[in-house]
Amino acid sequence: MERAAKWQQAPFDKETQNNVNILSSDEKALEDAFYTDLTFGTGGMRGIMGVGTNRVNRYTFGRTTQGLSNYINHKFQNNPNKVIIGYDCRHQSDALAQTVADIFSANNIKVYLFSSLRPTPEVSFAVRYLGAQCGIVLTASHNPPEYNGYKVYWEDGGQIVPPHDNAIIKEISKVDFSDIQFTSKPKNIELVGKEIDDAFQTACVKNGRLGNGERSNLNIVFTSLHGTSITAIPDVLQQAGYTQVHVVEEQAEPNGDFPTVESPNPEEPAALALALQRAKETNADIVIGTDPDADRLGIAVRNPKGEMELLNGNQTMIVMTQFILDHVKREKNKQYFIGSTIVSTPMMPALAAHYKVNFKMGLTGFKWIAKMIEDYPDEIFLGGGEESFGFMVGDFVRDKDAVTATLLACEVAATAQSKGETFYDQLIHAYEKLGLYQEKLVSFVKNGKEGVAEIKQMMETLRSTPPSTIDGSKVCFVEDYKNGVRCDLNDGTNTPLSLPKSDVILFIAADGTRVAARPSGTEPKIKFYFSVNNPDFEKADYEGLQSALLKKIDRICTELGLTS
């Protein structure tokens, strides 16, 4: 109530004051809008648009920008410091981007503001291309239409990580809303577009065009799901030599309401329903859909039955990484590595071992994969991804990049087609090398203040009463990233974990089954990640073996009470 009262007077504008007054008649809504502050998670800061400290608005974004401006000007002695600002198709994104630009400019920071919406990976690229100290993208990725967000990149082109993230948060906490410098200095703002577009797309083609297939023969259906990738992917595919690209026109126009889908999330089969229908009409070889800010992609390809099947993020990551390892020439005297995350498929380290390259594991979130590039400057990053449909090719972009990954997926399909095979056949080849793995993600939405408490309690219960067996197999290891300890239940010894602390717990059974749990950093969800495997893979019995693994995951879900 004290917070809400402050928002009903200066420095807040009359419209904000009136909206808070209206909100005051709904005690629960008022509490949800003011009980906490928006904070940075795995993918930046996201929230529902509206008035309040726990909402996205010009004041919460303004306070963040003012604190970030203070930190940049303290940290760097350039004159002036530089930031690049991009935004996606969401409601208020363009207006909020202008507000953010105004505040940076008022703090004597040179602003390069994209003249219209652009893919998130292009902003990551632009940070290094322009030699900027920082980059900002206003996006809520695949969240529902009422959301928006604020993502921060540092001078290496990667999202902020320690020590900068905590230092920036501390700086923001010192800022009172009355400290925000909203009055723009227009001389410090420059609109940008085509030059960076051209450089970015050229780099996408250079890094993603690795195959040797007949590209003009590949029949592609592409949908941007009303998002930003429409500004880049068709051009990149054309430049690479793909001529049969069928764009789903009903979803080509950027629109923050996402009117043709319930959720603009390519992880969900329903989001690609129109694209799959178009594939049926055109007899397409591959379907690709991207989320609104163009950093995630969903891929559907023809399975052994000839039917279109949506692959999960782990499967596409394995196929594309395998393709990179097969096609990028590696020099004998240099070290190479691929990267992934603790909740992604264990096939990734197995793949690295098979190809004799290094493997590096990070926490959930692509900022940790980007950090690997900085942490290991003597090694060359080839590619990597995470289970949530994100992939990065090379190091010219330092975040998941659906633009280059789309091209790479088409390279896989076209090269396979030239050999009389399919994209799906490449997945089978990986299983033949490494054994059959099957993963699944189960999420539970827990909204509001009560939801936060419920998620916290679920995590505490897992820690206090962990399972001793999983589907009959003894739990041998518990990795608790919040406490930074790996416990060996065979001998009772504890080993410190090398990764930063995070609210994640992972159970590993004797048969290789893995179950991980973590609260989402960007949505009001708790997520459970399952991985099971069968090392004795036989292609002839693929369907039966896969079905058995999926049933195993269902049994585990029931065993852990995760069926509702």
Protein backbone atom coordinates (compact mmCIF):
# COMPACT_ATOMS: atom_id res chain seq x y z
CA MET A 1 0.00 0.00 0.00
CA GLU A 2 2.90 2.33 0.75
CA ARG A 3 4.40 1.64 -2.66
CA ALA A 4 1.07 2.20 -4.40
CA ALA A 5 0.58 5.47 -2.53
CA LYS A 6 3.92 6.77 -3.82
CA TRP A 7 2.82 6.03 -7.38
CA GLN A 8 -0.21 8.30 -6.91
CA GLN A 9 1.93 11.43 -6.71
CA ALA A 10 4.90 13.08 -8.41
CA PRO A 11 7.23 12.17 -10.07
CA PHE A 12 4.69 9.80 -11.66
CA ASP A 13 2.57 11.27 -14.43
CA LYS A 14 -1.18 11.85 -14.11
CA GLU A 15 -2.11 8.85 -16.25
CA THR A 16 -0.05 6.54 -14.06
CA GLN A 17 -1.52 8.06 -10.90
CA ASN A 18 -5.05 7.55 -12.21
CA ASN A 19 -4.36 3.95 -13.23
CA VAL A 20 -3.00 3.15 -9.77
CA ASN A 21 -6.10 4.73 -8.26
CA ILE A 22 -8.30 2.50 -10.42
CA LEU A 23 -6.21 -0.56 -9.50
CA SER A 24 -6.70 0.21 -5.80
CA SER A 25 -10.26 -1.10 -5.99
CA ASP A 26 -8.91 -4.63 -6.60
CA GLU A 27 -6.81 -5.60 -3.59
CA LYS A 28 -5.36 -8.78 -5.13
CA ALA A 29 -4.42 -7.05 -8.40
CA LEU A 30 -2.84 -4.18 -6.46
CA GLU A 31 -0.80 -6.58 -4.37
CA ASP A 32 0.45 -8.46 -7.44
CA ALA A 33 1.46 -5.19 -9.11
CA PHE A 34 3.39 -3.84 -6.11
CA TYR A 35 4.46 -6.67 -3.78
CA THR A 36 7.93 -6.97 -5.38
CA ASP A 37 10.21 -5.51 -8.05
CA LEU A 38 10.82 -6.96 -11.50
CA THR A 39 14.19 -8.70 -11.38
CA PHE A 40 16.69 -10.20 -13.81
CA GLY A 41 16.31 -13.92 -14.52
CA THR A 42 17.93 -16.35 -16.97
CA GLY A 43 16.81 -14.30 -19.97
CA GLY A 44 16.69 -10.78 -18.56
CA MET A 45 13.74 -8.99 -16.99
CA ARG A 46 10.21 -9.90 -18.07
CA GLY A 47 6.77 -9.07 -16.77
CA ILE A 48 3.19 -8.12 -17.51
CA MET A 49 2.69 -4.60 -18.84
CA GLY A 50 0.90 -2.19 -16.49
CA VAL A 51 1.45 0.12 -13.53
CA GLY A 52 3.42 -0.99 -10.50
CA THR A 53 6.89 -2.02 -9.38
CA ASN A 54 6.22 -5.60 -10.52
CA ARG A 55 5.07 -4.53 -13.97
CA VAL A 56 6.61 -3.41 -17.24
CA ASN A 57 6.21 0.34 -17.72
CA ARG A 58 8.26 3.45 -18.48
CA TYR A 59 9.17 3.84 -14.80
CA THR A 60 10.41 0.30 -14.08
CA PHE A 61 12.30 0.24 -17.37
CA GLY A 62 13.38 3.82 -16.72
CA ARG A 63 14.79 2.98 -13.30
CA THR A 64 16.68 0.03 -14.78
CA THR A 65 18.06 2.19 -17.58
CA GLN A 66 19.12 4.95 -15.20
CA GLY A 67 20.96 2.47 -12.98
CA LEU A 68 22.56 0.85 -16.02
CA SER A 69 23.61 4.28 -17.33
CA ASN A 70 25.24 5.08 -14.00
CA TYR A 71 27.11 1.76 -14.06
CA ILE A 72 28.30 2.15 -17.66
CA ASN A 73 29.56 5.68 -17.10
CA HIS A 74 31.35 4.59 -13.94
CA LYS A 75 32.81 1.42 -15.47
CA PHE A 76 34.01 2.85 -18.80
CA GLN A 77 35.90 6.06 -19.39
CA ASN A 78 35.03 6.35 -23.08
CA ASN A 79 33.71 9.62 -24.41
CA PRO A 80 30.97 8.95 -25.13
CA ASN A 81 30.03 5.39 -24.18
CA LYS A 82 27.84 3.59 -26.72
CA VAL A 83 24.73 1.40 -26.54
CA ILE A 84 22.68 -0.30 -29.24
CA ILE A 85 18.92 -0.71 -28.72
CA GLY A 86 16.61 -3.13 -30.51
CA TYR A 87 13.04 -4.26 -29.96
CA ASP A 88 10.51 -6.78 -31.19
CA CYS A 89 6.86 -6.73 -32.26
CA ARG A 90 5.29 -6.56 -28.82
CA HIS A 91 2.87 -3.88 -27.70
CA GLN A 92 4.65 -0.72 -26.48
CA SER A 93 8.07 -2.06 -27.55
CA ASP A 94 8.76 0.86 -29.91
CA ALA A 95 7.61 3.48 -27.38
CA LEU A 96 9.54 1.85 -24.53
CA ALA A 97 12.63 1.60 -26.76
CA GLN A 98 12.40 5.34 -27.39
CA THR A 99 12.08 5.99 -23.65
CA VAL A 100 15.13 3.84 -22.94
CA ALA A 101 17.06 5.66 -25.70
CA ASP A 102 16.04 9.04 -24.25
CA ILE A 103 17.37 8.11 -20.80
CA PHE A 104 20.69 6.83 -22.10
CA SER A 105 21.07 9.98 -24.21
CA ALA A 106 20.27 12.18 -21.22
CA ASN A 107 23.16 10.48 -19.43
CA ASN A 108 25.52 11.45 -22.27
CA ILE A 109 25.67 7.93 -23.72
CA LYS A 110 25.68 7.59 -27.50
CA VAL A 111 22.62 5.58 -28.60
CA TYR A 112 22.26 3.56 -31.78
CA LEU A 113 18.54 2.85 -32.02
CA PHE A 114 17.21 0.44 -34.63
CA SER A 115 14.69 2.27 -36.80
CA SER A 116 12.22 -0.62 -36.57
CA LEU A 117 11.91 -4.07 -35.06
CA ARG A 118 14.85 -6.49 -35.45
CA PRO A 119 15.79 -10.05 -34.37
CA THR A 120 17.41 -10.33 -30.96
CA PRO A 121 20.57 -12.05 -32.32
CA GLU A 122 21.16 -9.07 -34.59
CA VAL A 123 21.42 -6.84 -31.52
CA SER A 124 23.96 -9.21 -29.96
CA PHE A 125 25.92 -9.05 -33.23
CA ALA A 126 25.63 -5.26 -33.40
CA VAL A 127 27.21 -4.74 -29.96
CA ARG A 128 30.55 -6.05 -31.20
CA TYR A 129 30.10 -4.70 -34.73
CA LEU A 130 29.73 -1.14 -33.37
CA GLY A 131 32.19 -1.54 -30.50
CA ALA A 132 29.44 -0.67 -28.01
CA GLN A 133 29.71 -1.14 -24.29
CA CYS A 134 26.17 -2.44 -23.97
CA GLY A 135 23.13 -3.61 -25.92
CA ILE A 136 19.44 -3.61 -24.99
CA VAL A 137 16.60 -5.63 -26.50
CA LEU A 138 13.02 -5.04 -25.50
CA THR A 139 11.36 -8.44 -25.86
CA ALA A 140 9.48 -11.06 -23.90
CA SER A 141 10.48 -13.83 -26.29
CA HIS A 142 7.62 -16.37 -26.53
CA ASN A 143 5.64 -15.16 -23.49
CA PRO A 144 1.92 -14.27 -23.91
CA PRO A 145 0.90 -10.91 -25.51
CA GLU A 146 0.50 -9.06 -22.20
CA TYR A 147 4.23 -9.45 -21.45
CA ASN A 148 7.27 -7.41 -22.39
CA GLY A 149 10.86 -7.53 -21.25
CA TYR A 150 14.32 -5.99 -21.06
CA LYS A 151 17.43 -7.94 -22.00
CA VAL A 152 20.94 -6.57 -21.42
CA TYR A 153 24.07 -7.45 -23.42
CA TRP A 154 27.59 -6.50 -22.43
CA GLU A 155 30.54 -5.46 -24.60
CA ASP A 156 31.36 -9.06 -25.58
CA GLY A 157 27.90 -9.40 -27.15
CA GLY A 158 26.74 -11.86 -24.49
CA GLN A 159 24.07 -11.26 -21.87
CA ILE A 160 25.24 -9.91 -18.55
CA VAL A 161 26.82 -12.44 -16.18
CA PRO A 162 28.75 -12.11 -12.90
CA PRO A 163 30.21 -9.83 -11.76
CA HIS A 164 28.40 -7.27 -13.91
CA ASP A 165 24.86 -8.55 -13.31
CA ASN A 166 24.98 -8.19 -9.53
CA ALA A 167 26.86 -4.90 -9.75
CA ILE A 168 24.21 -3.50 -12.14
CA ILE A 169 21.38 -4.70 -9.89
CA LYS A 170 23.01 -2.93 -6.94
CA GLU A 171 23.31 0.25 -8.99
CA ILE A 172 19.65 0.04 -10.00
CA SER A 173 18.60 -0.44 -6.37
CA LYS A 174 20.17 2.94 -5.53
CA VAL A 175 17.98 4.76 -8.07
CA ASP A 176 14.84 6.50 -6.87
CA PHE A 177 12.14 7.00 -9.49
CA SER A 178 12.68 10.74 -9.14
CA ASP A 179 16.31 10.25 -10.27
CA ILE A 180 15.36 9.04 -13.75
CA GLN A 181 16.54 11.44 -16.45
CA PHE A 182 13.72 11.22 -18.98
CA THR A 183 14.61 14.39 -20.91
CA SER A 184 16.25 13.31 -24.14
CA LYS A 185 19.34 14.76 -25.77
CA PRO A 186 18.46 14.05 -29.42
CA LYS A 187 22.02 14.73 -30.62
CA ASN A 188 23.08 11.55 -28.79
CA ILE A 189 20.59 9.29 -30.64
CA GLU A 190 21.25 7.87 -34.11
CA LEU A 191 18.82 5.64 -35.99
CA VAL A 192 20.46 2.58 -37.59
CA GLY A 193 19.31 -0.21 -39.87
CA LYS A 194 20.50 -1.32 -43.29
CA GLU A 195 24.26 -1.28 -42.71
CA ILE A 196 23.96 -3.55 -39.68
CA ASP A 197 21.31 -5.69 -41.42
CA ASP A 198 23.65 -6.33 -44.34
CA ALA A 199 26.63 -7.13 -42.12
CA PHE A 200 24.58 -9.43 -39.90
CA GLN A 201 23.02 -11.36 -42.78
CA THR A 202 26.39 -11.73 -44.51
CA ALA A 203 27.81 -13.20 -41.29
CA CYS A 204 24.81 -15.55 -40.94
CA VAL A 205 25.41 -16.95 -44.42
CA LYS A 206 29.17 -17.24 -43.87
CA ASN A 207 28.76 -19.17 -40.62
CA GLY A 208 25.67 -21.21 -41.42
CA ARG A 209 26.29 -22.29 -45.04
CA LEU A 210 28.36 -25.39 -44.28
CA GLY A 211 26.85 -28.10 -46.45
CA ASN A 212 27.23 -29.17 -50.04
CA GLY A 213 23.71 -30.17 -51.08
CA GLU A 214 21.59 -28.92 -53.96
CA ARG A 215 19.90 -26.09 -52.10
CA SER A 216 17.40 -25.24 -54.84
CA ASN A 217 15.84 -28.69 -54.48
CA LEU A 218 14.92 -28.32 -50.81
CA ASN A 219 11.25 -27.47 -50.24
CA ILE A 220 10.91 -25.26 -47.14
CA VAL A 221 7.93 -23.89 -45.22
CA PHE A 222 8.81 -21.01 -42.89
CA THR A 223 6.76 -19.08 -40.36
CA SER A 224 7.86 -16.12 -38.25
CA LEU A 225 4.81 -16.50 -35.94
CA HIS A 226 4.09 -12.75 -36.29
CA GLY A 227 7.60 -11.92 -35.05
CA THR A 228 10.85 -10.27 -36.12
CA SER A 229 12.50 -13.08 -38.07
CA ILE A 230 10.53 -12.09 -41.17
CA THR A 231 13.00 -9.20 -41.48
CA ALA A 232 15.98 -11.55 -41.89
CA ILE A 233 15.37 -15.26 -42.49
CA PRO A 234 13.82 -15.10 -45.99
CA ASP A 235 16.71 -12.88 -47.15
CA VAL A 236 19.36 -15.12 -45.55
CA LEU A 237 17.90 -18.25 -47.15
CA GLN A 238 17.75 -16.54 -50.52
CA GLN A 239 21.36 -15.34 -50.25
CA ALA A 240 22.42 -18.89 -49.36
CA GLY A 241 20.77 -20.31 -52.49
CA TYR A 242 17.40 -21.61 -51.28
CA THR A 243 14.69 -20.79 -53.82
CA GLN A 244 11.77 -22.92 -52.63
CA VAL A 245 10.78 -21.04 -49.46
CA HIS A 246 7.06 -20.92 -48.70
CA VAL A 247 6.33 -18.22 -46.10
CA VAL A 248 3.14 -18.68 -44.07
CA GLU A 249 1.59 -15.36 -45.07
CA GLU A 250 -1.10 -15.40 -42.37
CA GLN A 251 1.72 -15.20 -39.78
CA ALA A 252 4.19 -13.02 -41.69
CA GLU A 253 2.93 -9.63 -40.49
CA PRO A 254 4.50 -8.66 -37.12
CA ASN A 255 1.70 -8.42 -34.57
CA GLY A 256 1.98 -8.30 -30.79
CA ASP A 257 -1.42 -9.97 -30.40
CA PHE A 258 -0.16 -13.12 -32.18
CA PRO A 259 -3.69 -13.56 -33.54
CA THR A 260 -3.31 -16.97 -35.21
CA VAL A 261 -1.78 -18.85 -32.26
CA GLU A 262 -2.59 -19.37 -28.61
CA SER A 263 1.13 -19.06 -27.84
CA PRO A 264 3.92 -17.88 -30.21
CA ASN A 265 6.19 -20.63 -28.90
CA PRO A 266 7.75 -22.94 -31.51
CA GLU A 267 8.26 -25.54 -28.77
CA GLU A 268 4.50 -26.20 -28.92
CA PRO A 269 3.13 -28.18 -31.89
CA ALA A 270 -0.03 -26.02 -32.00
CA ALA A 271 2.06 -22.95 -32.88
CA LEU A 272 3.19 -24.64 -36.09
CA ALA A 273 -0.25 -25.93 -37.12
CA LEU A 274 -0.61 -23.52 -40.05
CA ALA A 275 2.93 -24.22 -41.21
CA LEU A 276 2.33 -27.97 -41.05
CA GLN A 277 -0.83 -27.54 -43.10
CA ARG A 278 1.16 -25.57 -45.67
CA ALA A 279 3.77 -28.33 -45.70
CA LYS A 280 1.05 -30.82 -46.55
CA GLU A 281 -0.15 -28.62 -49.43
CA THR A 282 3.35 -28.05 -50.83
CA ASN A 283 4.86 -31.47 -50.01
CA ALA A 284 7.61 -29.67 -48.07
CA ASP A 285 10.75 -31.37 -46.80
CA ILE A 286 11.14 -29.21 -43.69
CA VAL A 287 9.08 -26.78 -41.60
CA ILE A 288 10.75 -24.10 -39.50
CA GLY A 289 9.08 -21.65 -37.11
CA THR A 290 10.70 -19.03 -34.90
CA ASP A 291 9.57 -17.21 -31.79
CA PRO A 292 8.78 -13.44 -31.80
CA ASP A 293 12.33 -12.22 -31.17
CA ALA A 294 13.92 -14.85 -33.45
CA ASP A 295 16.22 -16.58 -31.02
CA ARG A 296 14.41 -19.96 -30.80
CA LEU A 297 13.32 -22.23 -33.61
CA GLY A 298 11.08 -25.25 -33.93
CA ILE A 299 11.76 -27.77 -36.69
CA ALA A 300 9.46 -30.38 -38.19
CA VAL A 301 10.80 -32.92 -40.68
CA ARG A 302 9.58 -36.11 -42.29
CA ASN A 303 10.04 -39.14 -40.05
CA PRO A 304 10.65 -42.72 -41.32
CA LYS A 305 6.92 -43.04 -42.03
CA GLY A 306 7.03 -39.96 -44.26
CA GLU A 307 4.96 -37.92 -41.79
CA MET A 308 5.90 -34.45 -40.56
CA GLU A 309 7.17 -34.69 -36.97
CA LEU A 310 8.13 -31.80 -34.69
CA LEU A 311 11.50 -32.57 -33.14
CA ASN A 312 12.33 -31.43 -29.64
CA GLY A 313 15.12 -28.99 -28.86
CA ASN A 314 17.52 -31.70 -27.78
CA GLN A 315 17.07 -33.63 -31.02
CA THR A 316 17.62 -30.63 -33.28
CA MET A 317 20.63 -29.58 -31.19
CA ILE A 318 22.23 -33.01 -31.62
CA VAL A 319 21.64 -33.12 -35.38
CA MET A 320 22.96 -29.60 -35.99
CA THR A 321 25.98 -30.04 -33.72
CA GLN A 322 26.80 -33.35 -35.39
CA PHE A 323 26.58 -31.61 -38.77
CA ILE A 324 28.97 -28.86 -37.65
CA LEU A 325 31.43 -31.45 -36.37
CA ASP A 326 31.24 -33.28 -39.69
CA HIS A 327 31.67 -30.20 -41.88
CA VAL A 328 33.88 -27.64 -40.09
CA LYS A 329 37.52 -28.27 -40.84
CA ARG A 330 39.49 -28.54 -37.60
CA GLU A 331 43.22 -27.88 -37.44
CA LYS A 332 45.29 -30.44 -35.52
CA ASN A 333 47.14 -27.92 -33.38
CA LYS A 334 44.02 -26.13 -32.12
CA GLN A 335 41.47 -26.93 -29.42
CA TYR A 336 37.74 -26.87 -30.25
CA PHE A 337 34.67 -27.15 -28.05
CA ILE A 338 30.91 -27.41 -28.06
CA GLY A 339 28.66 -26.26 -25.23
CA SER A 340 25.33 -26.98 -23.59
CA THR A 341 23.51 -26.74 -20.25
CA ILE A 342 22.90 -28.88 -17.17
CA VAL A 343 19.25 -29.58 -18.11
CA SER A 344 19.94 -30.50 -21.75
CA THR A 345 20.53 -33.97 -23.19
CA PRO A 346 23.58 -35.98 -22.02
CA MET A 347 24.05 -36.80 -25.71
CA MET A 348 25.99 -33.55 -26.08
CA PRO A 349 29.01 -34.57 -23.96
CA ALA A 350 28.81 -38.04 -25.56
CA LEU A 351 28.88 -36.43 -29.01
CA ALA A 352 31.91 -34.33 -28.05
CA ALA A 353 33.76 -37.43 -26.86
CA HIS A 354 32.92 -39.29 -30.08
CA TYR A 355 34.32 -36.46 -32.24
CA LYS A 356 37.25 -35.82 -29.88
CA VAL A 357 36.44 -32.18 -29.15
CA ASN A 358 36.05 -30.55 -25.74
CA PHE A 359 32.70 -30.16 -24.06
CA LYS A 360 31.68 -27.43 -21.64
CA MET A 361 28.58 -27.37 -19.45
CA GLY A 362 26.79 -24.26 -18.19
CA LEU A 363 23.76 -23.30 -16.19
CA THR A 364 20.41 -22.84 -17.93
CA GLY A 365 20.38 -19.78 -20.16
CA PHE A 366 22.44 -18.93 -23.20
CA LYS A 367 24.41 -16.26 -21.37
CA TRP A 368 26.44 -19.08 -19.82
CA ILE A 369 27.29 -20.58 -23.21
CA ALA A 370 28.36 -17.14 -24.45
CA LYS A 371 30.49 -16.77 -21.32
CA MET A 372 32.38 -19.95 -22.26
CA ILE A 373 33.73 -18.16 -25.33
CA GLU A 374 35.20 -15.43 -23.12
CA ASP A 375 36.42 -17.87 -20.45
CA TYR A 376 38.31 -20.07 -22.94
CA PRO A 377 39.94 -17.68 -25.43
CA ASP A 378 42.48 -20.30 -26.52
CA GLU A 379 39.75 -22.68 -27.67
CA ILE A 380 37.43 -22.30 -30.67
CA PHE A 381 33.69 -22.53 -30.10
CA LEU A 382 32.00 -24.50 -32.87
CA GLY A 383 28.39 -24.47 -31.75
CA GLY A 384 26.01 -25.48 -29.04
CA GLY A 385 22.54 -25.21 -27.66
CA GLU A 386 20.04 -25.97 -24.96
CA GLU A 387 16.90 -28.04 -24.75
CA SER A 388 14.60 -25.03 -25.01
CA PHE A 389 14.99 -24.80 -28.80
CA GLY A 390 17.97 -22.45 -28.81
CA PHE A 391 21.14 -22.90 -30.85
CA MET A 392 24.25 -20.86 -31.62
CA VAL A 393 26.57 -21.38 -34.61
CA GLY A 394 30.12 -20.13 -34.08
CA ASP A 395 30.87 -17.06 -31.99
CA PHE A 396 29.88 -14.12 -34.21
CA VAL A 397 26.58 -13.91 -32.28
CA ARG A 398 26.80 -14.45 -28.53
CA ASP A 399 23.25 -15.63 -27.91
CA LYS A 400 20.88 -18.21 -29.32
CA ASP A 401 20.29 -17.33 -32.93
CA ALA A 402 17.32 -18.68 -34.87
CA VAL A 403 18.39 -16.85 -38.04
CA THR A 404 21.68 -18.70 -38.56
CA ALA A 405 20.27 -21.89 -37.01
CA THR A 406 17.44 -21.87 -39.58
CA LEU A 407 20.00 -21.75 -42.37
CA LEU A 408 22.04 -24.51 -40.71
CA ALA A 409 18.94 -26.72 -40.40
CA CYS A 410 18.29 -26.27 -44.12
CA GLU A 411 21.94 -27.12 -44.84
CA VAL A 412 21.51 -30.38 -42.90
CA ALA A 413 18.35 -31.22 -44.85
CA ALA A 414 19.73 -30.26 -48.29
CA THR A 415 23.00 -32.13 -47.78
CA ALA A 416 21.13 -35.22 -46.58
CA GLN A 417 18.72 -34.98 -49.52
CA SER A 418 21.63 -34.98 -51.96
CA LYS A 419 22.67 -38.35 -50.48
CA GLY A 420 19.16 -39.78 -50.65
CA GLU A 421 18.59 -39.23 -46.93
CA THR A 422 16.56 -36.90 -44.70
CA PHE A 423 17.15 -34.63 -41.72
CA TYR A 424 15.58 -37.34 -39.57
CA ASP A 425 18.08 -39.91 -40.86
CA GLN A 426 20.84 -37.76 -39.35
CA LEU A 427 19.18 -38.13 -35.95
CA ILE A 428 19.10 -41.89 -36.41
CA HIS A 429 22.83 -41.83 -37.28
CA ALA A 430 23.49 -40.03 -33.97
CA TYR A 431 21.55 -42.70 -32.07
CA GLU A 432 23.56 -45.40 -33.85
CA LYS A 433 26.78 -43.76 -32.61
CA LEU A 434 25.73 -42.91 -29.07
CA GLY A 435 22.64 -44.91 -28.10
CA LEU A 436 19.01 -43.84 -27.97
CA TYR A 437 18.15 -40.93 -25.70
CA GLN A 438 14.72 -39.47 -25.02
CA GLU A 439 13.99 -36.24 -23.18
CA LYS A 440 10.83 -34.52 -21.99
CA LEU A 441 9.98 -31.24 -20.26
CA VAL A 442 7.03 -30.92 -17.86
CA SER A 443 6.08 -27.42 -16.65
CA PHE A 444 3.59 -26.15 -14.08
CA VAL A 445 2.35 -22.55 -14.13
CA LYS A 446 2.12 -20.93 -10.69
CA ASN A 447 0.92 -17.34 -10.94
CA GLY A 448 1.19 -14.46 -8.49
CA LYS A 449 2.62 -14.16 -5.01
CA GLU A 450 1.05 -17.46 -3.96
CA GLY A 451 2.64 -19.16 -6.96
CA VAL A 452 6.10 -17.94 -5.98
CA ALA A 453 5.61 -19.43 -2.52
CA GLU A 454 4.30 -22.71 -3.95
CA ILE A 455 7.28 -23.09 -6.29
CA LYS A 456 9.65 -22.37 -3.40
CA GLN A 457 7.94 -25.05 -1.31
CA MET A 458 8.14 -27.61 -4.14
CA MET A 459 11.89 -27.04 -4.45
CA GLU A 460 12.36 -27.27 -0.66
CA THR A 461 10.46 -30.56 -0.60
CA LEU A 462 12.69 -32.04 -3.31
CA ARG A 463 15.73 -31.08 -1.25
CA SER A 464 14.41 -32.32 2.08
CA THR A 465 12.88 -35.57 0.81
CA PRO A 466 14.69 -36.54 -2.41
CA PRO A 467 13.74 -39.77 -4.20
CA SER A 468 15.93 -42.77 -3.38
CA THR A 469 15.02 -44.54 -6.62
CA ILE A 470 13.69 -43.46 -10.02
CA ASP A 471 11.60 -46.06 -11.82
CA GLY A 472 13.36 -48.77 -9.83
CA SER A 473 16.89 -47.51 -10.45
CA LYS A 474 18.89 -46.28 -7.46
CA VAL A 475 19.62 -42.55 -7.30
CA CYS A 476 23.41 -42.38 -7.17
CA PHE A 477 24.08 -38.65 -7.36
CA VAL A 478 22.27 -35.49 -6.31
CA GLU A 479 23.58 -32.21 -7.72
CA ASP A 480 22.20 -29.25 -5.78
CA TYR A 481 23.27 -26.09 -7.56
CA LYS A 482 21.70 -23.83 -4.96
CA ASN A 483 24.05 -25.21 -2.32
CA GLY A 484 26.85 -25.84 -4.82
CA VAL A 485 27.32 -29.51 -3.89
CA ARG A 486 27.32 -32.85 -5.72
CA CYS A 487 26.48 -35.66 -3.30
CA ASP A 488 27.61 -39.21 -4.11
CA LEU A 489 24.99 -41.41 -2.44
CA ASN A 490 27.14 -44.50 -2.98
CA ASP A 491 29.75 -43.43 -0.43
CA GLY A 492 28.19 -40.30 1.09
CA THR A 493 30.93 -37.93 -0.10
CA ASN A 494 30.20 -34.35 -1.18
CA THR A 495 32.08 -32.57 -3.97
CA PRO A 496 31.83 -28.83 -4.72
CA LEU A 497 30.20 -27.97 -8.04
CA SER A 498 32.22 -25.70 -10.32
CA LEU A 499 29.28 -23.70 -11.70
CA PRO A 500 27.76 -20.60 -10.07
CA LYS A 501 24.97 -21.19 -7.59
CA SER A 502 21.46 -21.45 -9.00
CA ASP A 503 18.13 -22.84 -7.81
CA VAL A 504 18.41 -26.17 -9.64
CA ILE A 505 18.46 -29.73 -8.32
CA LEU A 506 19.41 -32.75 -10.44
CA PHE A 507 19.00 -36.45 -9.62
CA ILE A 508 21.07 -39.03 -11.53
CA ALA A 509 20.15 -42.72 -11.31
CA ALA A 510 22.32 -45.79 -11.85
CA ASP A 511 20.78 -46.49 -15.26
CA GLY A 512 21.62 -42.98 -16.51
CA THR A 513 18.15 -41.54 -15.93
CA ARG A 514 18.28 -37.85 -15.04
CA VAL A 515 15.57 -35.70 -13.47
CA ALA A 516 16.16 -31.97 -12.93
CA ALA A 517 13.91 -29.32 -11.39
CA ARG A 518 14.19 -25.54 -11.48
CA PRO A 519 11.96 -22.48 -11.27
CA SER A 520 11.85 -20.63 -14.59
CA GLY A 521 13.83 -17.42 -14.69
CA THR A 522 11.45 -15.72 -17.13
CA GLU A 523 7.97 -17.15 -16.48
CA PRO A 524 5.83 -18.06 -13.43
CA LYS A 525 6.65 -21.75 -13.84
CA ILE A 526 8.48 -24.62 -12.23
CA LYS A 527 10.08 -26.93 -14.80
CA PHE A 528 11.01 -30.61 -14.60
CA TYR A 529 13.45 -32.08 -17.13
CA PHE A 530 13.64 -35.82 -17.82
CA SER A 531 16.28 -37.76 -19.72
CA VAL A 532 16.27 -41.54 -20.19
CA ASN A 533 18.33 -43.72 -22.51
CA ASN A 534 18.92 -47.15 -24.00
CA PRO A 535 22.54 -47.78 -25.05
CA ASP A 536 21.54 -50.80 -27.15
CA PHE A 537 20.02 -49.01 -30.11
CA GLU A 538 18.76 -50.98 -33.08
CA LYS A 539 17.45 -49.00 -36.04
CA ALA A 540 15.01 -51.75 -36.97
CA ASP A 541 13.32 -51.47 -33.55
CA TYR A 542 13.56 -47.67 -33.26
CA GLU A 543 9.83 -47.12 -32.86
CA GLY A 544 9.49 -49.75 -30.12
CA LEU A 545 12.57 -48.56 -28.23
CA GLN A 546 11.44 -44.93 -28.36
CA SER A 547 7.96 -45.87 -27.16
CA ALA A 548 9.45 -47.78 -24.22
CA LEU A 549 11.51 -44.75 -23.17
CA LEU A 550 8.51 -42.42 -23.38
CA LYS A 551 6.52 -44.83 -21.21
CA LYS A 552 9.41 -44.83 -18.75
CA ILE A 553 9.22 -41.03 -18.50
CA ASP A 554 5.44 -41.28 -17.93
CA ARG A 555 6.03 -43.74 -15.08
CA ILE A 556 8.58 -41.40 -13.51
CA CYS A 557 6.15 -38.47 -13.73
CA THR A 558 3.48 -40.54 -11.96
CA GLU A 559 6.00 -41.70 -9.37
CA LEU A 560 6.98 -38.09 -8.57
CA GLY A 561 3.37 -36.86 -8.56
CA LEU A 562 3.83 -34.72 -11.67
CA THR A 563 0.84 -35.88 -13.69
CA SER A 564 -1.61 -32.99 -13.22
